[in-house]
Protein backbone atom coordinates (compact mmCIF):
# COMPACT_ATOMS: atom_id res chain seq x y z
CA MET A 1 13.21 -8.82 -18.77
CA SER A 2 12.19 -7.23 -15.51
CA SER A 3 14.72 -5.69 -13.20
CA PRO A 4 15.10 -7.32 -9.76
CA LYS A 5 12.83 -5.92 -7.10
CA LYS A 6 14.69 -3.42 -4.98
CA ARG A 7 15.78 -4.87 -1.65
CA PHE A 8 16.09 -3.16 1.74
CA LYS A 9 18.06 -5.37 4.10
CA ILE A 10 17.51 -3.40 7.30
CA ALA A 11 14.92 -5.31 9.31
CA PRO A 12 13.97 -3.01 12.16
CA ILE A 13 10.63 -4.19 13.36
CA VAL A 14 11.58 -7.80 13.88
CA LEU A 15 13.86 -6.69 16.67
CA LEU A 16 10.51 -6.96 18.48
CA SER A 17 10.79 -10.70 17.95
CA THR A 18 13.09 -10.82 20.96
CA PHE A 19 9.87 -10.62 22.91
CA PHE A 20 8.66 -13.90 21.48
CA ALA A 21 11.70 -16.15 21.76
CA GLY A 22 10.68 -19.50 23.17
CA ILE A 23 6.96 -18.69 23.19
CA SER A 24 4.58 -20.80 21.12
CA TYR A 25 2.04 -19.25 18.76
CA ALA A 26 -0.84 -20.69 20.78
CA ASP A 27 0.47 -19.00 23.90
CA VAL A 28 0.34 -15.51 22.43
CA ILE A 29 -2.61 -15.62 20.00
CA PRO A 30 -5.65 -16.32 22.17
CA GLU A 31 -9.05 -17.08 20.66
CA VAL A 32 -10.41 -13.54 20.89
CA THR A 33 -12.09 -11.22 18.46
CA LEU A 34 -10.27 -8.57 16.49
CA ALA A 35 -9.18 -5.56 18.53
CA ASP A 36 -11.94 -2.94 18.62
CA ALA A 37 -9.62 -0.35 17.11
CA ILE A 38 -9.26 -2.35 13.86
CA LYS A 39 -12.61 -4.09 13.61
CA VAL A 40 -14.38 -3.84 10.27
CA PRO A 41 -18.14 -3.90 9.60
CA SER A 42 -19.75 -7.33 9.30
CA ASN A 43 -19.34 -8.85 5.82
CA PHE A 44 -17.16 -5.92 4.80
CA TYR A 45 -14.98 -8.14 2.62
CA SER A 46 -17.72 -10.56 1.57
CA GLN A 47 -17.59 -11.27 -2.13
CA SER A 48 -18.60 -13.76 -4.77
CA ALA A 49 -16.11 -15.79 -6.77
CA PRO A 50 -13.42 -13.57 -8.35
CA SER A 51 -14.77 -11.85 -11.44
CA LEU A 52 -13.38 -9.56 -14.12
CA LEU A 53 -14.75 -6.02 -14.10
CA LYS A 54 -14.40 -3.88 -17.22
CA MET A 55 -13.30 -0.26 -16.79
CA SER A 56 -12.74 2.42 -19.40
CA VAL A 57 -10.96 5.77 -19.54
CA GLU A 58 -11.17 8.29 -22.37
CA THR A 59 -8.48 10.96 -22.32
CA LEU A 60 -9.41 14.64 -22.70
CA ILE A 61 -6.55 17.02 -23.47
CA ASP A 62 -6.42 20.82 -23.50
CA ALA A 63 -3.91 21.52 -26.28
CA GLY A 64 -3.62 25.18 -25.29
CA SER A 65 -1.90 24.58 -21.96
CA ASN A 66 1.41 23.22 -20.72
CA CYS A 67 2.53 19.88 -19.33
CA ILE A 68 4.79 21.07 -16.54
CA VAL A 69 4.97 20.77 -12.77
CA GLY A 70 1.72 22.17 -11.39
CA ASP A 71 0.04 22.52 -14.81
CA TYR A 72 -0.87 19.18 -16.34
CA LYS A 73 -3.78 20.22 -18.55
CA ALA A 74 -1.92 19.51 -21.80
CA CYS A 75 -0.29 16.28 -20.65
CA THR A 76 -0.92 13.29 -22.90
CA PHE A 77 -1.20 9.65 -21.98
CA GLN A 78 2.31 9.22 -23.38
CA ASP A 79 3.54 11.75 -20.80
CA VAL A 80 1.95 9.55 -18.14
CA LEU A 81 3.73 6.48 -19.55
CA ASN A 82 7.05 8.37 -19.61
CA ASP A 83 6.84 9.28 -15.92
CA ILE A 84 9.47 6.84 -14.63
CA ASN A 85 10.73 8.90 -11.67
CA SER A 86 8.42 8.59 -8.67
CA ASP A 87 10.66 10.81 -6.50
CA ASP A 88 10.55 14.07 -8.46
CA ASP A 89 7.85 16.75 -8.37
CA PHE A 90 6.63 16.10 -11.92
CA LYS A 91 3.43 14.03 -11.69
CA PRO A 92 1.80 14.18 -15.13
CA GLU A 93 -1.86 13.26 -15.15
CA VAL A 94 -4.61 13.39 -17.75
CA ASN A 95 -8.27 14.32 -17.46
CA VAL A 96 -10.42 11.34 -18.40
CA ILE A 97 -14.00 10.17 -18.65
CA PHE A 98 -14.09 7.15 -16.39
CA SER A 99 -16.73 4.43 -16.56
CA ALA A 100 -17.10 0.81 -15.51
CA ASP A 101 -19.57 -2.04 -15.62
CA ASP A 102 -20.93 -0.73 -12.33
CA PHE A 103 -20.21 2.99 -12.79
CA THR A 104 -21.80 5.09 -15.55
CA SER A 105 -20.21 8.37 -16.62
CA ALA A 106 -22.47 11.38 -17.11
CA GLY A 107 -22.03 13.17 -20.42
CA SER A 108 -18.79 14.00 -22.18
CA SER A 109 -17.07 15.97 -19.42
CA ALA A 110 -14.05 14.65 -17.52
CA ASN A 111 -14.93 13.05 -14.20
CA ALA A 112 -11.51 11.75 -13.15
CA LYS A 113 -7.74 11.96 -13.66
CA ILE A 114 -5.27 9.19 -14.44
CA ARG A 115 -1.60 9.06 -13.57
CA GLN A 116 1.06 6.39 -13.24
CA ARG A 117 1.65 4.77 -9.86
CA GLY A 118 4.38 2.72 -8.22
CA GLY A 119 8.10 3.07 -7.52
CA HIS A 120 10.61 0.81 -9.26
CA THR A 121 7.79 -0.64 -11.37
CA ARG A 122 7.70 2.55 -13.44
CA PHE A 123 10.82 1.30 -15.23
CA LEU A 124 9.03 -1.88 -16.31
CA PRO A 125 7.27 -2.21 -19.68
CA LEU A 126 3.82 -2.81 -18.15
CA LYS A 127 2.60 0.15 -16.09
CA SER A 128 0.26 0.52 -13.13
CA PHE A 129 -2.16 3.43 -12.84
CA ARG A 130 -4.13 5.48 -10.34
CA ILE A 131 -7.51 6.90 -11.31
CA LYS A 132 -8.87 9.59 -8.99
CA LEU A 133 -12.49 10.63 -9.31
CA ASP A 134 -13.12 14.38 -9.30
CA SER A 135 -16.20 14.08 -7.12
CA LYS A 136 -15.96 13.35 -3.41
CA LYS A 137 -19.57 12.15 -3.39
CA GLU A 138 -20.06 10.14 -6.59
CA LEU A 139 -17.70 7.29 -5.79
CA TRP A 140 -16.97 3.87 -7.22
CA ARG A 141 -17.83 1.28 -4.55
CA ASN A 142 -17.41 4.05 -1.96
CA GLN A 143 -13.85 4.62 -3.16
CA ARG A 144 -12.51 7.74 -4.80
CA ARG A 145 -9.06 6.41 -5.76
CA ILE A 146 -8.87 3.38 -8.02
CA GLN A 147 -5.45 1.75 -7.90
CA LEU A 148 -4.85 -0.51 -10.89
CA VAL A 149 -1.78 -2.65 -10.24
CA LYS A 150 -0.16 -4.63 -13.05
CA SER A 151 1.96 -6.86 -10.76
CA PHE A 152 4.61 -7.28 -13.44
CA ASP A 153 6.88 -9.20 -11.05
CA ASP A 154 4.13 -11.77 -10.55
CA SER A 155 3.93 -14.10 -13.55
CA THR A 156 0.60 -15.47 -12.27
CA ARG A 157 -0.98 -12.03 -11.75
CA ILE A 158 -3.00 -13.42 -8.83
CA ARG A 159 -0.71 -13.12 -5.80
CA ASN A 160 -2.00 -9.76 -4.56
CA LYS A 161 -5.66 -10.69 -4.73
CA LEU A 162 -5.00 -14.16 -3.33
CA SER A 163 -3.22 -12.58 -0.37
CA TYR A 164 -5.79 -9.92 0.47
CA ASP A 165 -8.68 -12.38 0.12
CA LEU A 166 -6.86 -14.62 2.59
CA PHE A 167 -6.10 -11.77 5.01
CA SER A 168 -9.75 -10.74 5.04
CA GLU A 169 -10.54 -13.98 6.87
CA ILE A 170 -7.69 -13.78 9.40
CA PRO A 171 -8.40 -12.18 12.81
CA HIS A 172 -6.30 -9.27 14.06
CA LEU A 173 -5.20 -8.18 10.57
CA PRO A 174 -6.86 -5.48 8.44
CA SER A 175 -6.99 -6.26 4.73
CA MET A 176 -7.74 -4.46 1.46
CA ARG A 177 -10.68 -4.76 -0.90
CA THR A 178 -9.58 -6.03 -4.31
CA GLN A 179 -11.02 -6.58 -7.78
CA PHE A 180 -9.69 -7.96 -11.07
CA VAL A 181 -10.07 -5.29 -13.77
CA GLN A 182 -9.77 -5.15 -17.55
CA LEU A 183 -8.84 -1.57 -18.47
CA ASN A 184 -9.74 -0.11 -21.86
CA LEU A 185 -8.27 3.14 -23.14
CA ASN A 186 -9.77 5.52 -25.67
CA ASN A 187 -6.78 7.81 -26.17
CA ALA A 188 -8.36 10.84 -27.84
CA THR A 189 -7.68 14.58 -27.83
CA SER A 190 -11.35 15.50 -27.73
CA PRO A 191 -14.61 13.93 -26.59
CA ALA A 192 -15.73 11.00 -28.75
CA PRO A 193 -18.83 8.80 -28.78
CA ASN A 194 -16.76 5.65 -28.17
CA THR A 195 -17.19 5.59 -24.40
CA GLY A 196 -18.25 2.98 -21.87
CA PRO A 197 -16.57 -0.07 -20.35
CA ASN A 198 -15.68 -1.57 -23.76
CA ALA A 199 -14.22 1.59 -25.30
CA GLY A 200 -10.78 1.67 -26.90
CA PRO A 201 -7.76 -0.66 -26.85
CA ASN A 202 -7.58 -3.27 -24.11
CA LEU A 203 -4.66 -2.55 -21.74
CA GLY A 204 -5.04 -5.97 -20.16
CA LEU A 205 -5.54 -7.37 -16.69
CA PHE A 206 -5.01 -5.31 -13.54
CA THR A 207 -5.78 -5.82 -9.88
CA HIS A 208 -7.53 -2.96 -8.16
CA ILE A 209 -6.23 -2.72 -4.59
CA GLU A 210 -8.03 -0.44 -2.17
CA HIS A 211 -6.26 2.82 -1.43
CA ALA A 212 -5.22 3.26 2.19
CA GLY A 213 -6.06 6.79 3.27
CA LYS A 214 -8.89 8.80 4.81
CA GLU A 215 -11.52 6.83 2.87
CA TYR A 216 -10.03 3.55 4.10
CA ILE A 217 -10.49 4.75 7.68
CA LYS A 218 -13.96 6.19 7.11
CA SER A 219 -15.37 3.15 5.30
CA ARG A 220 -14.44 0.92 8.22
CA GLY A 221 -16.03 3.22 10.78
CA TRP A 222 -12.69 3.94 12.41
CA GLN A 223 -11.94 7.15 14.29
CA LYS A 224 -11.80 10.22 12.07
CA ASP A 225 -8.48 12.11 12.01
CA SER A 226 -6.59 8.99 13.10
CA ARG A 227 -3.06 8.62 11.78
CA LEU A 228 -2.13 6.27 8.96
CA TYR A 229 1.38 5.95 7.55
CA LYS A 230 2.95 4.04 4.69
CA ALA A 231 6.50 2.82 5.32
CA GLU A 232 8.86 3.82 2.53
CA HIS A 233 12.34 3.56 4.08
CA PHE A 234 11.31 3.20 7.70
CA THR A 235 13.64 1.51 10.20
CA PHE A 236 11.93 2.39 13.50
CA SER A 237 14.94 4.56 14.30
CA GLN A 238 14.88 8.23 15.22
CA GLU A 239 15.67 10.25 12.11
CA ASN A 240 16.34 13.97 11.86
CA ASP A 241 14.05 14.06 8.83
CA LEU A 242 11.14 12.97 11.04
CA ALA A 243 11.45 16.10 13.22
CA LEU A 244 8.22 17.91 14.09
CA ASP A 245 7.26 21.42 15.10
CA GLU A 246 5.37 22.27 18.30
CA ASN A 247 2.07 21.41 16.59
CA GLY A 248 3.22 17.94 15.59
CA LYS A 249 3.66 18.79 11.91
CA PRO A 250 6.81 17.78 9.96
CA LEU A 251 9.45 20.49 9.76
CA ASP A 252 10.14 19.25 6.23
CA LYS A 253 7.24 17.19 4.92
CA LYS A 254 9.05 16.16 1.74
CA LYS A 255 11.97 14.67 3.69
CA PHE A 256 9.56 13.17 6.24
CA GLU A 257 7.66 11.33 3.52
CA VAL A 258 10.78 9.86 1.97
CA ILE A 259 10.82 7.75 5.14
CA PHE A 260 7.16 7.56 6.10
CA GLU A 261 4.35 8.73 3.84
CA ILE A 262 1.48 10.41 5.68
CA LYS A 263 -1.88 9.04 4.54
CA SER A 264 -4.01 10.53 7.32
CA GLY A 265 -3.57 12.71 10.38
CA LYS A 266 -2.16 16.14 11.15
CA ASN A 267 -0.42 15.81 14.51
CA HIS A 268 2.34 13.21 14.51
CA GLN A 269 3.71 13.62 18.02
CA LYS A 270 2.52 10.12 18.96
CA LEU A 271 4.76 8.68 16.24
CA ASN A 272 7.82 10.43 17.62
CA GLU A 273 6.83 9.42 21.14
CA MET A 274 6.73 5.77 20.06
CA LEU A 275 10.07 6.03 18.24
CA ALA A 276 11.69 7.64 21.28
CA ALA A 277 10.51 4.74 23.42
CA VAL A 278 11.65 2.08 20.93
CA ASN A 279 15.09 3.65 20.84
CA ASP A 280 15.47 4.09 24.63
CA PRO A 281 17.47 1.12 26.06
CA SER A 282 16.64 2.19 29.63
CA LEU A 283 12.96 1.30 29.23
CA ASP A 284 11.45 -2.09 29.98
CA PHE A 285 10.80 -3.57 26.54
CA ASN A 286 7.64 -5.49 27.39
CA LYS A 287 5.95 -2.96 29.67
CA ASP A 288 7.08 0.43 28.38
CA ILE A 289 7.51 -0.28 24.68
CA PHE A 290 5.85 -3.30 23.11
CA ASN A 291 2.73 -3.67 25.25
CA LYS A 292 2.15 0.08 25.24
CA TYR A 293 2.67 0.95 21.60
CA PHE A 294 1.85 -2.27 19.73
CA ASP A 295 -0.89 -4.86 19.71
CA GLN A 296 0.51 -8.32 20.34
CA ASN A 297 -2.08 -10.19 18.27
CA ASN A 298 -1.87 -7.79 15.36
CA TYR A 299 1.93 -7.74 15.21
CA LEU A 300 2.35 -11.50 15.55
CA THR A 301 -0.29 -12.14 12.91
CA TRP A 302 1.36 -9.69 10.51
CA LEU A 303 4.77 -11.27 11.11
CA ALA A 304 3.42 -14.80 10.77
CA ILE A 305 1.61 -14.21 7.48
CA ASN A 306 4.71 -12.62 5.95
CA ILE A 307 6.72 -15.70 6.87
CA LEU A 308 4.01 -18.15 5.77
CA VAL A 309 3.42 -16.53 2.37
CA ASN A 310 7.17 -15.92 2.03
CA ASN A 311 6.97 -12.16 1.48
CA ASP A 312 10.57 -11.12 2.02
CA ASP A 313 10.00 -7.56 0.79
CA THR A 314 8.52 -6.08 3.98
CA SER A 315 11.58 -5.38 6.10
CA ASN A 316 11.39 -1.58 6.08
CA HIS A 317 8.70 -0.82 3.54
CA ASN A 318 5.53 -2.34 2.10
CA PHE A 319 3.40 -2.03 5.23
CA TYR A 320 1.17 0.59 6.85
CA LEU A 321 0.96 1.65 10.49
CA TYR A 322 -2.40 2.80 11.82
CA ASN A 323 -2.53 4.84 15.03
CA PRO A 324 -6.13 5.53 16.16
CA LYS A 325 -6.87 9.03 17.37
CA GLY A 326 -6.31 9.31 21.12
CA ALA A 327 -4.57 5.91 21.34
CA ASP A 328 -0.99 4.84 21.95
CA LYS A 329 -0.96 1.70 19.85
CA PHE A 330 0.19 1.30 16.25
CA TYR A 331 -1.36 -1.47 14.15
CA PHE A 332 0.26 -3.15 11.15
CA ILE A 333 -1.64 -3.28 7.86
CA PRO A 334 -0.17 -5.48 5.08
CA TRP A 335 0.71 -4.07 1.68
CA ASP A 336 2.14 -5.29 -1.68
CA TYR A 337 2.08 -9.05 -2.07
CA ASP A 338 2.88 -9.53 -5.75
CA TYR A 339 6.33 -10.72 -4.62
CA ALA A 340 5.01 -13.28 -2.12
CA TRP A 341 4.19 -16.98 -2.54
CA GLY A 342 7.61 -17.86 -3.94
CA ALA A 343 7.62 -15.22 -6.67
CA HIS A 344 11.39 -14.90 -6.24
CA LEU A 345 11.65 -18.41 -7.72
CA ASP A 346 9.70 -17.63 -10.89
CA GLY A 347 11.96 -18.15 -13.88
CA THR A 348 15.19 -18.28 -11.84
CA ASP A 349 17.01 -21.13 -13.60
CA GLY A 350 14.85 -23.84 -12.14
CA LEU A 351 15.35 -23.01 -8.47
CA THR A 352 12.93 -24.62 -6.04
CA PRO A 353 12.04 -23.77 -2.42
CA ASN A 354 14.40 -26.53 -1.29
CA ASP A 355 17.30 -24.69 -2.93
CA MET A 356 16.88 -21.73 -0.56
CA PRO A 357 18.56 -21.69 2.89
CA PRO A 358 16.28 -22.38 5.91
CA TRP A 359 16.72 -18.88 7.31
CA TRP A 360 15.09 -17.49 4.16
CA TYR A 361 11.74 -18.80 5.41
CA SER A 362 11.89 -17.46 8.97
CA TYR A 363 12.09 -14.15 10.78
CA SER A 364 15.88 -14.61 10.71
CA TYR A 365 15.80 -13.19 7.19
CA ARG A 366 14.65 -9.90 8.68
CA TRP A 367 17.35 -9.49 11.29
CA ASP A 368 19.99 -6.81 10.87
CA ASP A 369 22.91 -6.70 13.29
CA THR A 370 23.44 -2.96 12.94
CA CYS A 371 19.85 -2.20 13.87
CA ILE A 372 19.69 -4.68 16.74
CA SER A 373 22.99 -3.50 18.23
CA SER A 374 21.50 -0.06 18.75
CA PHE A 375 19.19 -1.46 21.47
């Protein structure tokens, strides 16, 4: 059925675990409040019992235009479904009228756009989508981008929400706001009266996971123009494709973002400064690298939760790094947990956790000799 989740065996960041050998968790995670740089407003994640929110999109198509790179006015929803290559420049999207149980659309004009989202999941039969509202002011729950994740690799469909709800109660670790969603589609070529949350065919259950970008930073009251990155193929090594100009901008943004996608920030010199330090064997690891550029509580918490929920898909992608404006430190933010909680054992010929080797459940799984030998 589904293809195996793509694996990246380089495990760069856990080379930092050399710092923690022989130190107990209690010794390094004191009972203190969350670091000021990643605090969130009181009750920010407070929520009632998980509920199902109904959302609806009605497609609006301009038949007189093209569906090509840079001109998507005539793209159909089928074009969106056929977009299986996340690495090319063709990003078909469709104008839609978006509404939800708690968001009313005004009139028959488009107020959003829908496109497919994800990487390897685009090849799977059940798709995930991104809805982006046209307005920067009329937002859904103070969010402009609505990320509807199908979690095809998760037979339970609850692992992502379960994880982020858990993280929201753990000190030192930023989380994401989530919501179960039933998406209905009215796939028309012109405005129709059948609008509203119950319009059109039911596309099934999705999990909305908060988009990490400028709005993520703003909603938490964090420093404007801070830097936020999403790891794509990031090994904490110095790469030519991460080269910057004198103003701290990527020399080749497309190549830069194959490694590290920029979600916020314009000057990225602090990133290269940190990478230079991490890759300099002459520096004192504790003083000049780890304690300067990383937060001990944040990193250890991020590492611990990945081990405890058995998310083995975070070695060089599926996490964010947040670098507050004017600060040296980089903070880990967790991402993509539909493959956690033993998902690798779902439907695999009756395998159980006891059938897996002990190192699978520790940071040893994240070691890579080639990476470590460079230090």
